[in-house]
Amino acid sequence: MKLNRSIILIIMVAAFAIGYLYYSQSSQLIQVISEQPASTKDDLNSFKDISLSFSVLDDSRFKSLRVFGELPVKPGVTGKRDLFSPF
């Protein structure tokens, strides 16, 4: 019985040590990832040069798409009846 307790204690100490090492490395990684340069924080000027290309809509494959089924989609009766409903 004493051997079982000491094995459990060794496993718990090893688990805490491994968890501490993992946490200490991941917290440093989170700090590195979360730090942003001061020039890009809350700056909308980076969006002024964005241009959208609608050339995909001119593709023959896009124009050959067809609608199947009914439009707009009419939802059917699905799911279970609410067992806790008063009605």
PDB file of N, CA and C in Angstrom:
ATOM      1  N   MET A   1       0.816  -1.182   0.000  1.00  0.00           N
ATOM      2  CA  MET A   1       0.000   0.000   0.000  1.00  0.00           C
ATOM      3  C   MET A   1       0.870   1.260   0.000  1.00  0.00           C
ATOM      4  N   LYS A   2       1.996   1.204   0.722  1.00  0.00           N
ATOM      5  CA  LYS A   2       2.894   2.345   0.779  1.00  0.00           C
ATOM      6  C   LYS A   2       3.543   2.579  -0.583  1.00  0.00           C
ATOM      7  N   LEU A   3       3.825   1.490  -1.306  1.00  0.00           N
ATOM      8  CA  LEU A   3       4.421   1.606  -2.631  1.00  0.00           C
ATOM      9  C   LEU A   3       3.454   2.294  -3.597  1.00  0.00           C
ATOM     10  N   ASN A   4       2.165   1.960  -3.518  1.00  0.00           N
ATOM     11  CA  ASN A   4       1.166   2.576  -4.391  1.00  0.00           C
ATOM     12  C   ASN A   4       1.067   4.080  -4.137  1.00  0.00           C
ATOM     13  N   ARG A   5       1.107   4.484  -2.862  1.00  0.00           N
ATOM     14  CA  ARG A   5       1.021   5.908  -2.527  1.00  0.00           C
ATOM     15  C   ARG A   5       2.232   6.658  -3.047  1.00  0.00           C
ATOM     16  N   SER A   6       3.396   6.064  -2.929  1.00  0.00           N
ATOM     17  CA  SER A   6       4.600   6.756  -3.398  1.00  0.00           C
ATOM     18  C   SER A   6       4.615   6.848  -4.931  1.00  0.00           C
ATOM     19  N   ILE A   7       4.110   5.858  -5.623  1.00  0.00           N
ATOM     20  CA  ILE A   7       4.033   5.918  -7.082  1.00  0.00           C
ATOM     21  C   ILE A   7       3.047   7.004  -7.499  1.00  0.00           C
ATOM     22  N   ILE A   8       1.913   7.089  -6.837  1.00  0.00           N
ATOM     23  CA  ILE A   8       0.924   8.123  -7.137  1.00  0.00           C
ATOM     24  C   ILE A   8       1.510   9.498  -6.855  1.00  0.00           C
ATOM     25  N   LEU A   9       2.253   9.637  -5.750  1.00  0.00           N
ATOM     26  CA  LEU A   9       2.878  10.911  -5.415  1.00  0.00           C
ATOM     27  C   LEU A   9       3.915  11.307  -6.466  1.00  0.00           C
ATOM     28  N   ILE A  10       4.715  10.369  -6.929  1.00  0.00           N
ATOM     29  CA  ILE A  10       5.712  10.644  -7.962  1.00  0.00           C
ATOM     30  C   ILE A  10       5.032  11.064  -9.265  1.00  0.00           C
ATOM     31  N   ILE A  11       3.943  10.389  -9.629  1.00  0.00           N
ATOM     32  CA  ILE A  11       3.201  10.735 -10.849  1.00  0.00           C
ATOM     33  C   ILE A  11       2.617  12.136 -10.735  1.00  0.00           C
ATOM     34  N   MET A  12       2.071  12.473  -9.562  1.00  0.00           N
ATOM     35  CA  MET A  12       1.482  13.803  -9.370  1.00  0.00           C
ATOM     36  C   MET A  12       2.545  14.897  -9.445  1.00  0.00           C
ATOM     37  N   VAL A  13       3.710  14.674  -8.837  1.00  0.00           N
ATOM     38  CA  VAL A  13       4.783  15.658  -8.876  1.00  0.00           C
ATOM     39  C   VAL A  13       5.275  15.832 -10.313  1.00  0.00           C
ATOM     40  N   ALA A  14       5.422  14.728 -11.030  1.00  0.00           N
ATOM     41  CA  ALA A  14       5.861  14.808 -12.422  1.00  0.00           C
ATOM     42  C   ALA A  14       4.825  15.541 -13.273  1.00  0.00           C
ATOM     43  N   ALA A  15       3.554  15.303 -13.027  1.00  0.00           N
ATOM     44  CA  ALA A  15       2.491  15.972 -13.788  1.00  0.00           C
ATOM     45  C   ALA A  15       2.509  17.471 -13.521  1.00  0.00           C
ATOM     46  N   PHE A  16       2.690  17.859 -12.256  1.00  0.00           N
ATOM     47  CA  PHE A  16       2.772  19.287 -11.940  1.00  0.00           C
ATOM     48  C   PHE A  16       3.997  19.928 -12.585  1.00  0.00           C
ATOM     49  N   ALA A  17       5.126  19.227 -12.585  1.00  0.00           N
ATOM     50  CA  ALA A  17       6.341  19.770 -13.187  1.00  0.00           C
ATOM     51  C   ALA A  17       6.172  19.933 -14.694  1.00  0.00           C
ATOM     52  N   ILE A  18       5.612  18.943 -15.344  1.00  0.00           N
ATOM     53  CA  ILE A  18       5.397  19.012 -16.789  1.00  0.00           C
ATOM     54  C   ILE A  18       4.378  20.111 -17.117  1.00  0.00           C
ATOM     55  N   GLY A  19       3.333  20.211 -16.315  1.00  0.00           N
ATOM     56  CA  GLY A  19       2.333  21.261 -16.524  1.00  0.00           C
ATOM     57  C   GLY A  19       2.927  22.642 -16.345  1.00  0.00           C
ATOM     58  N   TYR A  20       3.787  22.812 -15.344  1.00  0.00           N
ATOM     59  CA  TYR A  20       4.428  24.105 -15.120  1.00  0.00           C
ATOM     60  C   TYR A  20       5.343  24.470 -16.289  1.00  0.00           C
ATOM     61  N   LEU A  21       6.114  23.506 -16.771  1.00  0.00           N
ATOM     62  CA  LEU A  21       7.002  23.772 -17.898  1.00  0.00           C
ATOM     63  C   LEU A  21       6.204  24.126 -19.150  1.00  0.00           C
ATOM     64  N   TYR A  22       5.133  23.396 -19.383  1.00  0.00           N
ATOM     65  CA  TYR A  22       4.298  23.672 -20.553  1.00  0.00           C
ATOM     66  C   TYR A  22       3.671  25.059 -20.434  1.00  0.00           C
ATOM     67  N   TYR A  23       3.147  25.386 -19.249  1.00  0.00           N
ATOM     68  CA  TYR A  23       2.504  26.687 -19.055  1.00  0.00           C
ATOM     69  C   TYR A  23       3.507  27.817 -19.183  1.00  0.00           C
ATOM     70  N   SER A  24       4.685  27.654 -18.656  1.00  0.00           N
ATOM     71  CA  SER A  24       5.663  28.740 -18.714  1.00  0.00           C
ATOM     72  C   SER A  24       6.128  28.984 -20.148  1.00  0.00           C
ATOM     73  N   GLN A  25       6.245  27.942 -20.952  1.00  0.00           N
ATOM     74  CA  GLN A  25       6.633  28.128 -22.352  1.00  0.00           C
ATOM     75  C   GLN A  25       5.491  28.719 -23.165  1.00  0.00           C
ATOM     76  N   SER A  26       4.253  28.283 -22.904  1.00  0.00           N
ATOM     77  CA  SER A  26       3.126  28.787 -23.683  1.00  0.00           C
ATOM     78  C   SER A  26       2.826  30.232 -23.329  1.00  0.00           C
ATOM     79  N   SER A  27       3.044  30.660 -22.087  1.00  0.00           N
ATOM     80  CA  SER A  27       2.772  32.053 -21.740  1.00  0.00           C
ATOM     81  C   SER A  27       3.768  32.981 -22.431  1.00  0.00           C
ATOM     82  N   GLN A  28       5.016  32.543 -22.618  1.00  0.00           N
ATOM     83  CA  GLN A  28       5.977  33.352 -23.354  1.00  0.00           C
ATOM     84  C   GLN A  28       5.586  33.437 -24.823  1.00  0.00           C
ATOM     85  N   LEU A  29       5.074  32.339 -25.371  1.00  0.00           N
ATOM     86  CA  LEU A  29       4.640  32.329 -26.761  1.00  0.00           C
ATOM     87  C   LEU A  29       3.447  33.254 -26.951  1.00  0.00           C
ATOM     88  N   ILE A  30       2.534  33.261 -26.000  1.00  0.00           N
ATOM     89  CA  ILE A  30       1.362  34.130 -26.095  1.00  0.00           C
ATOM     90  C   ILE A  30       1.793  35.588 -26.038  1.00  0.00           C
ATOM     91  N   GLN A  31       2.771  35.917 -25.202  1.00  0.00           N
ATOM     92  CA  GLN A  31       3.248  37.291 -25.125  1.00  0.00           C
ATOM     93  C   GLN A  31       3.876  37.718 -26.447  1.00  0.00           C
ATOM     94  N   VAL A  32       4.622  36.825 -27.078  1.00  0.00           N
ATOM     95  CA  VAL A  32       5.268  37.157 -28.348  1.00  0.00           C
ATOM     96  C   VAL A  32       4.225  37.353 -29.432  1.00  0.00           C
ATOM     97  N   ILE A  33       3.207  36.519 -29.451  1.00  0.00           N
ATOM     98  CA  ILE A  33       2.179  36.607 -30.482  1.00  0.00           C
ATOM     99  C   ILE A  33       1.315  37.844 -30.278  1.00  0.00           C
ATOM    100  N   SER A  34       0.977  38.164 -29.036  1.00  0.00           N
ATOM    101  CA  SER A  34       0.043  39.255 -28.784  1.00  0.00           C
ATOM    102  C   SER A  34       0.664  40.638 -28.958  1.00  0.00           C
ATOM    103  N   GLU A  35       1.960  40.746 -28.939  1.00  0.00           N
ATOM    104  CA  GLU A  35       2.585  42.049 -29.111  1.00  0.00           C
ATOM    105  C   GLU A  35       2.569  42.444 -30.586  1.00  0.00           C
ATOM    106  N   GLN A  36       1.976  43.611 -30.863  1.00  0.00           N
ATOM    107  CA  GLN A  36       1.902  44.110 -32.222  1.00  0.00           C
ATOM    108  C   GLN A  36       2.710  45.392 -32.313  1.00  0.00           C
ATOM    109  N   PRO A  37       3.240  45.685 -33.459  1.00  0.00           N
ATOM    110  CA  PRO A  37       3.936  46.960 -33.616  1.00  0.00           C
ATOM    111  C   PRO A  37       2.971  48.121 -33.381  1.00  0.00           C
ATOM    112  N   ALA A  38       3.472  49.192 -32.834  1.00  0.00           N
ATOM    113  CA  ALA A  38       2.627  50.329 -32.483  1.00  0.00           C
ATOM    114  C   ALA A  38       2.008  50.981 -33.712  1.00  0.00           C
ATOM    115  N   SER A  39       2.628  50.850 -34.867  1.00  0.00           N
ATOM    116  CA  SER A  39       2.118  51.517 -36.057  1.00  0.00           C
ATOM    117  C   SER A  39       0.878  50.836 -36.630  1.00  0.00           C
ATOM    118  N   THR A  40       0.634  49.557 -36.341  1.00  0.00           N
ATOM    119  CA  THR A  40      -0.513  48.859 -36.914  1.00  0.00           C
ATOM    120  C   THR A  40      -1.688  48.763 -35.963  1.00  0.00           C
ATOM    121  N   LYS A  41      -1.561  49.206 -34.744  1.00  0.00           N
ATOM    122  CA  LYS A  41      -2.675  49.118 -33.806  1.00  0.00           C
ATOM    123  C   LYS A  41      -3.719  50.180 -34.136  1.00  0.00           C
ATOM    124  N   ASP A  42      -4.959  49.746 -34.321  1.00  0.00           N
ATOM    125  CA  ASP A  42      -6.093  50.633 -34.550  1.00  0.00           C
ATOM    126  C   ASP A  42      -5.836  51.639 -35.668  1.00  0.00           C
ATOM    127  N   ASP A  43      -5.218  51.194 -36.730  1.00  0.00           N
ATOM    128  CA  ASP A  43      -4.909  52.083 -37.837  1.00  0.00           C
ATOM    129  C   ASP A  43      -5.676  51.609 -39.066  1.00  0.00           C
ATOM    130  N   LEU A  44      -6.596  52.407 -39.553  1.00  0.00           N
ATOM    131  CA  LEU A  44      -7.408  52.030 -40.707  1.00  0.00           C
ATOM    132  C   LEU A  44      -6.775  52.431 -42.026  1.00  0.00           C
ATOM    133  N   ASN A  45      -5.630  53.067 -41.982  1.00  0.00           N
ATOM    134  CA  ASN A  45      -4.968  53.468 -43.223  1.00  0.00           C
ATOM    135  C   ASN A  45      -4.478  52.277 -44.028  1.00  0.00           C
ATOM    136  N   SER A  46      -4.334  51.135 -43.387  1.00  0.00           N
ATOM    137  CA  SER A  46      -3.886  49.951 -44.114  1.00  0.00           C
ATOM    138  C   SER A  46      -4.958  49.450 -45.085  1.00  0.00           C
ATOM    139  N   PHE A  47      -6.216  49.874 -44.891  1.00  0.00           N
ATOM    140  CA  PHE A  47      -7.305  49.425 -45.752  1.00  0.00           C
ATOM    141  C   PHE A  47      -7.546  50.349 -46.940  1.00  0.00           C
ATOM    142  N   LYS A  48      -6.866  51.461 -47.034  1.00  0.00           N
ATOM    143  CA  LYS A  48      -7.161  52.411 -48.102  1.00  0.00           C
ATOM    144  C   LYS A  48      -6.705  51.928 -49.474  1.00  0.00           C
ATOM    145  N   ASP A  49      -5.757  51.019 -49.544  1.00  0.00           N
ATOM    146  CA  ASP A  49      -5.251  50.536 -50.825  1.00  0.00           C
ATOM    147  C   ASP A  49      -5.865  49.209 -51.255  1.00  0.00           C
ATOM    148  N   ILE A  50      -6.902  48.757 -50.572  1.00  0.00           N
ATOM    149  CA  ILE A  50      -7.536  47.488 -50.921  1.00  0.00           C
ATOM    150  C   ILE A  50      -8.419  47.680 -52.142  1.00  0.00           C
ATOM    151  N   SER A  51      -8.277  46.786 -53.106  1.00  0.00           N
ATOM    152  CA  SER A  51      -9.150  46.816 -54.275  1.00  0.00           C
ATOM    153  C   SER A  51      -9.748  45.431 -54.453  1.00  0.00           C
ATOM    154  N   LEU A  52     -11.012  45.400 -54.803  1.00  0.00           N
ATOM    155  CA  LEU A  52     -11.722  44.140 -54.988  1.00  0.00           C
ATOM    156  C   LEU A  52     -11.778  43.805 -56.465  1.00  0.00           C
ATOM    157  N   SER A  53     -11.518  42.545 -56.774  1.00  0.00           N
ATOM    158  CA  SER A  53     -11.558  42.101 -58.157  1.00  0.00           C
ATOM    159  C   SER A  53     -12.795  41.217 -58.353  1.00  0.00           C
ATOM    160  N   PHE A  54     -13.672  41.633 -59.238  1.00  0.00           N
ATOM    161  CA  PHE A  54     -14.883  40.877 -59.532  1.00  0.00           C
ATOM    162  C   PHE A  54     -14.733  40.061 -60.810  1.00  0.00           C
ATOM    163  N   SER A  55     -13.527  39.757 -61.188  1.00  0.00           N
ATOM    164  CA  SER A  55     -13.299  38.987 -62.409  1.00  0.00           C
ATOM    165  C   SER A  55     -13.816  37.552 -62.285  1.00  0.00           C
ATOM    166  N   VAL A  56     -14.000  37.071 -61.075  1.00  0.00           N
ATOM    167  CA  VAL A  56     -14.544  35.725 -60.879  1.00  0.00           C
ATOM    168  C   VAL A  56     -15.965  35.652 -61.426  1.00  0.00           C
ATOM    169  N   LEU A  57     -16.715  36.747 -61.334  1.00  0.00           N
ATOM    170  CA  LEU A  57     -18.091  36.754 -61.817  1.00  0.00           C
ATOM    171  C   LEU A  57     -18.177  36.694 -63.332  1.00  0.00           C
ATOM    172  N   ASP A  58     -17.106  37.027 -64.023  1.00  0.00           N
ATOM    173  CA  ASP A  58     -17.089  36.982 -65.488  1.00  0.00           C
ATOM    174  C   ASP A  58     -16.676  35.617 -66.029  1.00  0.00           C
ATOM    175  N   ASP A  59     -16.307  34.701 -65.148  1.00  0.00           N
ATOM    176  CA  ASP A  59     -15.858  33.375 -65.564  1.00  0.00           C
ATOM    177  C   ASP A  59     -17.041  32.570 -66.106  1.00  0.00           C
ATOM    178  N   SER A  60     -16.804  31.789 -67.141  1.00  0.00           N
ATOM    179  CA  SER A  60     -17.878  30.994 -67.748  1.00  0.00           C
ATOM    180  C   SER A  60     -18.375  29.904 -66.800  1.00  0.00           C
ATOM    181  N   ARG A  61     -17.508  29.395 -65.935  1.00  0.00           N
ATOM    182  CA  ARG A  61     -17.944  28.375 -64.970  1.00  0.00           C
ATOM    183  C   ARG A  61     -18.927  28.973 -63.973  1.00  0.00           C
ATOM    184  N   PHE A  62     -18.710  30.216 -63.562  1.00  0.00           N
ATOM    185  CA  PHE A  62     -19.642  30.875 -62.647  1.00  0.00           C
ATOM    186  C   PHE A  62     -20.978  31.135 -63.331  1.00  0.00           C
ATOM    187  N   LYS A  63     -20.938  31.534 -64.590  1.00  0.00           N
ATOM    188  CA  LYS A  63     -22.169  31.823 -65.317  1.00  0.00           C
ATOM    189  C   LYS A  63     -22.961  30.563 -65.638  1.00  0.00           C
ATOM    190  N   SER A  64     -22.302  29.401 -65.623  1.00  0.00           N
ATOM    191  CA  SER A  64     -23.002  28.155 -65.932  1.00  0.00           C
ATOM    192  C   SER A  64     -23.690  27.544 -64.708  1.00  0.00           C
ATOM    193  N   LEU A  65     -23.548  28.150 -63.541  1.00  0.00           N
ATOM    194  CA  LEU A  65     -24.195  27.625 -62.344  1.00  0.00           C
ATOM    195  C   LEU A  65     -25.704  27.780 -62.461  1.00  0.00           C
ATOM    196  N   ARG A  66     -26.435  26.776 -61.964  1.00  0.00           N
ATOM    197  CA  ARG A  66     -27.887  26.802 -62.005  1.00  0.00           C
ATOM    198  C   ARG A  66     -28.439  26.614 -60.605  1.00  0.00           C
ATOM    199  N   VAL A  67     -29.663  27.064 -60.387  1.00  0.00           N
ATOM    200  CA  VAL A  67     -30.338  26.907 -59.095  1.00  0.00           C
ATOM    201  C   VAL A  67     -31.143  25.627 -59.142  1.00  0.00           C
ATOM    202  N   PHE A  68     -30.939  24.776 -58.148  1.00  0.00           N
ATOM    203  CA  PHE A  68     -31.696  23.534 -58.025  1.00  0.00           C
ATOM    204  C   PHE A  68     -32.608  23.636 -56.811  1.00  0.00           C
ATOM    205  N   GLY A  69     -33.813  23.115 -56.933  1.00  0.00           N
ATOM    206  CA  GLY A  69     -34.736  23.138 -55.805  1.00  0.00           C
ATOM    207  C   GLY A  69     -35.546  24.413 -55.780  1.00  0.00           C
ATOM    208  N   GLU A  70     -36.228  24.625 -54.669  1.00  0.00           N
ATOM    209  CA  GLU A  70     -37.082  25.796 -54.548  1.00  0.00           C
ATOM    210  C   GLU A  70     -36.309  26.961 -53.946  1.00  0.00           C
ATOM    211  N   LEU A  71     -36.690  28.137 -54.379  1.00  0.00           N
ATOM    212  CA  LEU A  71     -36.017  29.334 -53.899  1.00  0.00           C
ATOM    213  C   LEU A  71     -37.077  30.346 -53.540  1.00  0.00           C
ATOM    214  N   PRO A  72     -37.162  30.914 -52.413  1.00  0.00           N
ATOM    215  CA  PRO A  72     -36.334  30.706 -51.236  1.00  0.00           C
ATOM    216  C   PRO A  72     -36.660  29.377 -50.554  1.00  0.00           C
ATOM    217  N   VAL A  73     -35.744  28.922 -49.781  1.00  0.00           N
ATOM    218  CA  VAL A  73     -35.906  27.635 -49.110  1.00  0.00           C
ATOM    219  C   VAL A  73     -36.977  27.758 -48.038  1.00  0.00           C
ATOM    220  N   LYS A  74     -37.919  26.843 -48.050  1.00  0.00           N
ATOM    221  CA  LYS A  74     -38.989  26.827 -47.051  1.00  0.00           C
ATOM    222  C   LYS A  74     -38.637  25.770 -46.001  1.00  0.00           C
ATOM    223  N   PRO A  75     -38.421  26.189 -44.757  1.00  0.00           N
ATOM    224  CA  PRO A  75     -38.045  25.219 -43.733  1.00  0.00           C
ATOM    225  C   PRO A  75     -39.205  24.284 -43.411  1.00  0.00           C
ATOM    226  N   GLY A  76     -38.882  23.049 -43.211  1.00  0.00           N
ATOM    227  CA  GLY A  76     -39.883  22.060 -42.859  1.00  0.00           C
ATOM    228  C   GLY A  76     -39.961  21.884 -41.356  1.00  0.00           C
ATOM    229  N   VAL A  77     -40.809  20.984 -40.933  1.00  0.00           N
ATOM    230  CA  VAL A  77     -40.949  20.675 -39.512  1.00  0.00           C
ATOM    231  C   VAL A  77     -39.849  19.693 -39.157  1.00  0.00           C
ATOM    232  N   THR A  78     -38.975  20.111 -38.271  1.00  0.00           N
ATOM    233  CA  THR A  78     -37.857  19.256 -37.893  1.00  0.00           C
ATOM    234  C   THR A  78     -37.703  19.238 -36.391  1.00  0.00           C
ATOM    235  N   GLY A  79     -36.927  18.319 -35.913  1.00  0.00           N
ATOM    236  CA  GLY A  79     -36.588  18.265 -34.491  1.00  0.00           C
ATOM    237  C   GLY A  79     -37.642  17.561 -33.667  1.00  0.00           C
ATOM    238  N   LYS A  80     -37.357  17.452 -32.391  1.00  0.00           N
ATOM    239  CA  LYS A  80     -38.264  16.800 -31.453  1.00  0.00           C
ATOM    240  C   LYS A  80     -39.248  17.799 -30.871  1.00  0.00           C
ATOM    241  N   ARG A  81     -40.322  17.272 -30.382  1.00  0.00           N
ATOM    242  CA  ARG A  81     -41.297  18.095 -29.663  1.00  0.00           C
ATOM    243  C   ARG A  81     -40.680  18.446 -28.310  1.00  0.00           C
ATOM    244  N   ASP A  82     -40.904  19.680 -27.852  1.00  0.00           N
ATOM    245  CA  ASP A  82     -40.348  20.127 -26.580  1.00  0.00           C
ATOM    246  C   ASP A  82     -41.083  19.406 -25.443  1.00  0.00           C
ATOM    247  N   LEU A  83     -40.381  18.544 -24.720  1.00  0.00           N
ATOM    248  CA  LEU A  83     -40.991  17.765 -23.645  1.00  0.00           C
ATOM    249  C   LEU A  83     -41.351  18.612 -22.448  1.00  0.00           C
ATOM    250  N   PHE A  84     -40.681  19.748 -22.270  1.00  0.00           N
ATOM    251  CA  PHE A  84     -40.904  20.580 -21.096  1.00  0.00           C
ATOM    252  C   PHE A  84     -41.849  21.738 -21.372  1.00  0.00           C
ATOM    253  N   SER A  85     -42.392  21.808 -22.566  1.00  0.00           N
ATOM    254  CA  SER A  85     -43.306  22.875 -22.921  1.00  0.00           C
ATOM    255  C   SER A  85     -44.655  22.651 -22.212  1.00  0.00           C
ATOM    256  N   PRO A  86     -45.295  23.723 -21.713  1.00  0.00           N
ATOM    257  CA  PRO A  86     -46.594  23.548 -21.038  1.00  0.00           C
ATOM    258  C   PRO A  86     -47.719  23.228 -22.019  1.00  0.00           C
ATOM    259  N   PHE A  87     -47.471  23.357 -23.309  1.00  0.00           N
ATOM    260  CA  PHE A  87     -48.520  23.090 -24.297  1.00  0.00           C
ATOM    261  C   PHE A  87     -48.310  21.764 -24.955  1.00  0.00           C
TER     262      PHE A  87
END
